[in-house]
Amino acid sequence: MKSQIHEHKKNYVNIVSKKIALFAFAMTILTTSCKKEEKTETPVEEIKTEEVSGLKIVSDSTKVSWTAYKTTDKVAVGGSFKEIELKNTQTGNTPEAVLEGASFSIPVSSLFTNNEDRDNKLKTIFFAALKNTEMIGGALNFRDGKCFLTLTLNDVTKQMEVPFTYENKKFALNSTINLDDFGGQTAIEAINKACFELHKGADGVSKTWSDVAISGSVLFE
């Protein structure tokens, strides 16, 4: 009888031990699984940026030059502006798309003719006779394959069609303005008086012309 009771207790202990072992094994698996889940990190999705295509203006490539005329033989006197700020350009695949609505401003102080005396006279006599000309301003627009230049000078704003070309990544426009259209007669008379002898031709007549050839260009890449 005692042996049977002992055997029964032994079996009970074995069953309990197995249950405890099974429970411990289950907890080990559960704990390990939880730890692995805690270490799992959600992968960060890579953000892809698309490169903007189209033409880009080469930095500091904008040029503006002009040609005025003196004497009755219409001798050319050339100059340029060393500072031009080009603003409000667009994104596009053609020069017209990029330059549509672009505006520019040119400080008169940046005028350059490679002749210091001439530069000084133009700044202090010619431009001084005009209104609000510390800065020359304008804009470009395109319609039906044509280029239109809006120019403000002497408090007068005019829009004119100007021929343009685009070759070897260079956009260029060339035209002629008449200073009389901008009320520039007083300024022409002032500079002609200051340069009276210099503007005399072989006929002895001193003359300063009111028409001025202008050109502008910009490079693309």
Protein backbone atom coordinates (compact mmCIF):
# COMPACT_ATOMS: atom_id res chain seq x y z
CA MET A 1 0.00 0.00 0.00
CA LYS A 2 2.77 2.45 0.88
CA SER A 3 4.59 1.56 -2.29
CA GLN A 4 1.48 2.41 -4.33
CA ILE A 5 1.10 5.77 -2.61
CA HIS A 6 4.78 6.49 -3.17
CA GLU A 7 4.47 5.58 -6.82
CA HIS A 8 1.40 7.78 -7.18
CA LYS A 9 3.20 10.76 -5.64
CA LYS A 10 6.15 10.12 -7.90
CA ASN A 11 3.95 10.19 -11.00
CA TYR A 12 2.22 13.36 -9.81
CA VAL A 13 5.56 15.09 -9.26
CA ASN A 14 6.71 14.05 -12.72
CA ILE A 15 3.52 15.41 -14.31
CA VAL A 16 3.84 18.73 -12.45
CA SER A 17 7.53 18.98 -13.36
CA LYS A 18 6.73 18.42 -17.03
CA LYS A 19 4.01 21.07 -16.91
CA ILE A 20 6.38 23.53 -15.26
CA ALA A 21 9.06 22.76 -17.82
CA LEU A 22 6.56 23.17 -20.66
CA PHE A 23 5.36 26.47 -19.19
CA ALA A 24 8.95 27.73 -18.81
CA PHE A 25 9.71 26.73 -22.42
CA ALA A 26 6.63 28.57 -23.67
CA MET A 27 7.56 31.71 -21.71
CA THR A 28 11.09 31.56 -23.11
CA ILE A 29 9.76 31.46 -26.67
CA LEU A 30 7.27 34.25 -25.96
CA THR A 31 9.91 36.45 -24.31
CA THR A 32 12.38 35.90 -27.14
CA SER A 33 9.70 36.68 -29.71
CA CYS A 34 8.77 39.93 -27.94
CA LYS A 35 12.39 41.02 -27.72
CA LYS A 36 12.86 40.41 -31.43
CA GLU A 37 9.73 42.41 -32.19
CA GLU A 38 11.01 45.31 -30.04
CA LYS A 39 14.23 45.41 -32.02
CA THR A 40 12.47 45.37 -35.36
CA GLU A 41 12.63 48.84 -36.95
CA THR A 42 10.40 50.05 -39.72
CA PRO A 43 12.60 50.71 -42.77
CA VAL A 44 12.76 54.37 -43.78
CA GLU A 45 11.45 54.89 -47.26
CA GLU A 46 14.04 56.57 -49.45
CA ILE A 47 12.82 59.86 -50.90
CA LYS A 48 13.84 60.22 -54.52
CA THR A 49 14.35 63.70 -55.94
CA GLU A 50 13.98 64.29 -59.62
CA GLU A 51 16.53 66.53 -61.28
CA VAL A 52 14.88 69.55 -62.89
CA SER A 53 15.48 69.39 -66.61
CA GLY A 54 15.69 72.31 -69.01
CA LEU A 55 18.04 75.12 -69.95
CA LYS A 56 19.97 76.95 -67.25
CA ILE A 57 21.48 80.42 -67.54
CA VAL A 58 25.23 80.53 -67.10
CA SER A 59 26.02 82.65 -64.05
CA ASP A 60 27.29 86.19 -64.83
CA SER A 61 26.95 85.64 -68.59
CA THR A 62 24.45 88.46 -69.21
CA LYS A 63 25.93 91.22 -71.40
CA VAL A 64 24.50 94.56 -72.54
CA SER A 65 26.29 96.90 -74.91
CA TRP A 66 25.40 99.97 -76.95
CA THR A 67 26.65 102.06 -79.86
CA ALA A 68 26.04 105.80 -80.12
CA TYR A 69 26.99 108.01 -83.07
CA LYS A 70 28.69 111.36 -83.56
CA THR A 71 29.52 113.71 -86.51
CA THR A 72 27.49 113.93 -89.70
CA ASP A 73 29.43 110.88 -90.96
CA LYS A 74 27.85 108.91 -88.09
CA VAL A 75 31.03 107.69 -86.45
CA ALA A 76 30.32 104.94 -83.93
CA VAL A 77 31.17 105.24 -80.24
CA GLY A 78 30.72 101.97 -78.36
CA GLY A 79 30.20 101.16 -74.72
CA SER A 80 28.68 98.65 -72.34
CA PHE A 81 27.36 98.19 -68.82
CA LYS A 82 29.43 96.07 -66.48
CA GLU A 83 26.57 95.26 -64.10
CA ILE A 84 23.26 93.70 -65.16
CA GLU A 85 20.82 92.01 -62.79
CA LEU A 86 18.49 89.52 -64.47
CA LYS A 87 15.48 88.44 -62.39
CA ASN A 88 12.21 86.49 -62.61
CA THR A 89 13.48 83.86 -65.04
CA GLN A 90 11.47 80.66 -65.52
CA THR A 91 12.15 76.93 -65.95
CA GLY A 92 11.95 75.76 -69.54
CA ASN A 93 13.53 73.96 -72.45
CA THR A 94 13.83 76.98 -74.75
CA PRO A 95 15.32 80.46 -74.26
CA GLU A 96 11.88 81.95 -74.83
CA ALA A 97 10.38 79.85 -72.02
CA VAL A 98 13.21 80.69 -69.60
CA LEU A 99 13.23 84.42 -70.38
CA GLU A 100 9.46 84.97 -70.61
CA GLY A 101 8.64 87.79 -68.21
CA ALA A 102 12.26 88.16 -67.10
CA SER A 103 13.16 91.62 -65.86
CA PHE A 104 16.50 93.37 -65.77
CA SER A 105 18.00 96.37 -64.02
CA ILE A 106 21.21 98.16 -65.02
CA PRO A 107 23.01 100.69 -62.80
CA VAL A 108 24.06 103.71 -64.85
CA SER A 109 27.17 103.90 -62.66
CA SER A 110 28.40 100.68 -64.35
CA LEU A 111 28.66 102.38 -67.76
CA PHE A 112 32.02 101.66 -69.44
CA THR A 113 33.57 102.90 -72.71
CA ASN A 114 37.25 102.33 -71.94
CA ASN A 115 37.65 106.11 -71.81
CA GLU A 116 37.44 107.59 -68.33
CA ASP A 117 36.76 111.16 -69.52
CA ARG A 118 33.94 109.99 -71.80
CA ASP A 119 32.48 107.78 -69.06
CA ASN A 120 32.41 110.71 -66.66
CA LYS A 121 30.70 113.03 -69.17
CA LEU A 122 28.04 110.49 -70.04
CA LYS A 123 27.25 109.85 -66.38
CA THR A 124 27.37 113.45 -65.11
CA ILE A 125 26.04 115.30 -68.19
CA PHE A 126 23.98 113.03 -70.45
CA PHE A 127 22.30 110.84 -67.81
CA ALA A 128 22.15 113.74 -65.36
CA ALA A 129 19.85 115.53 -67.83
CA LEU A 130 17.38 112.61 -67.68
CA LYS A 131 14.91 111.72 -64.94
CA ASN A 132 15.38 108.85 -62.50
CA THR A 133 18.21 107.23 -64.42
CA GLU A 134 20.32 105.82 -61.64
CA MET A 135 18.91 102.54 -62.92
CA ILE A 136 17.76 101.49 -66.40
CA GLY A 137 15.04 98.87 -66.25
CA GLY A 138 13.14 96.61 -68.58
CA ALA A 139 11.60 93.23 -69.28
CA LEU A 140 11.29 90.59 -72.01
CA ASN A 141 8.19 88.90 -73.37
CA PHE A 142 7.55 86.52 -76.25
CA ARG A 143 4.48 86.19 -78.46
CA ASP A 144 3.98 84.30 -81.71
CA GLY A 145 7.69 83.64 -82.07
CA LYS A 146 8.58 87.31 -81.59
CA CYS A 147 10.55 88.99 -78.80
CA PHE A 148 9.31 92.21 -77.20
CA LEU A 149 11.54 94.46 -75.11
CA THR A 150 9.96 96.80 -72.57
CA LEU A 151 12.41 99.58 -71.72
CA THR A 152 12.09 102.36 -69.15
CA LEU A 153 14.29 105.41 -69.59
CA ASN A 154 13.80 109.04 -68.50
CA ASP A 155 10.53 108.04 -66.78
CA VAL A 156 9.18 106.86 -70.15
CA THR A 157 8.30 103.21 -70.80
CA LYS A 158 8.15 101.82 -74.32
CA GLN A 159 7.65 98.31 -75.65
CA MET A 160 9.21 97.39 -78.97
CA GLU A 161 9.71 94.26 -81.03
CA VAL A 162 13.39 93.27 -81.24
CA PRO A 163 15.03 90.66 -83.48
CA PHE A 164 16.74 87.79 -81.64
CA THR A 165 18.91 84.77 -82.38
CA TYR A 166 19.81 81.59 -80.54
CA GLU A 167 22.99 79.87 -81.69
CA ASN A 168 25.58 77.77 -79.84
CA LYS A 169 23.70 78.18 -76.55
CA LYS A 170 23.82 81.98 -76.86
CA PHE A 171 20.63 84.03 -76.89
CA ALA A 172 21.18 87.50 -78.38
CA LEU A 173 19.01 90.44 -79.36
CA ASN A 174 19.93 93.50 -81.38
CA SER A 175 17.90 96.61 -82.04
CA THR A 176 17.99 100.39 -82.25
CA ILE A 177 16.22 102.88 -80.04
CA ASN A 178 15.56 106.54 -80.73
CA LEU A 179 16.19 108.70 -77.70
CA ASP A 180 13.61 111.19 -78.99
CA ASP A 181 10.97 108.53 -78.20
CA PHE A 182 12.08 108.70 -74.55
CA GLY A 183 12.15 112.50 -74.35
CA GLY A 184 15.94 112.54 -74.54
CA GLN A 185 16.43 115.71 -76.63
CA THR A 186 17.69 117.76 -73.66
CA ALA A 187 20.25 115.09 -72.76
CA ILE A 188 21.47 114.89 -76.39
CA GLU A 189 21.88 118.65 -76.56
CA ALA A 190 23.75 118.67 -73.23
CA ILE A 191 26.28 116.00 -74.26
CA ASN A 192 26.74 117.55 -77.71
CA LYS A 193 27.52 120.92 -76.09
CA ALA A 194 30.04 119.33 -73.71
CA CYS A 195 31.70 117.43 -76.58
CA PHE A 196 31.19 120.07 -79.27
CA GLU A 197 34.67 119.91 -80.78
CA LEU A 198 34.93 116.13 -80.40
CA HIS A 199 31.67 115.66 -82.29
CA LYS A 200 32.74 117.74 -85.28
CA GLY A 201 33.21 115.97 -88.59
CA ALA A 202 35.14 116.88 -91.71
CA ASP A 203 32.40 119.35 -92.63
CA GLY A 204 32.93 121.26 -89.39
CA VAL A 205 29.44 120.38 -88.11
CA SER A 206 29.09 119.07 -84.56
CA LYS A 207 26.40 116.46 -84.27
CA THR A 208 25.20 113.83 -81.76
CA TRP A 209 22.68 111.37 -83.14
CA SER A 210 19.52 110.42 -81.28
CA ASP A 211 19.49 106.79 -82.41
CA VAL A 212 21.47 104.27 -80.36
CA ALA A 213 22.07 100.64 -81.29
CA ILE A 214 21.62 98.24 -78.37
CA SER A 215 22.46 94.57 -77.94
CA GLY A 216 22.05 92.06 -75.17
CA SER A 217 23.01 88.43 -74.74
CA VAL A 218 23.00 85.58 -72.26
CA LEU A 219 24.53 82.08 -72.33
CA PHE A 220 22.73 78.83 -71.53
CA GLU A 221 24.00 75.44 -70.48
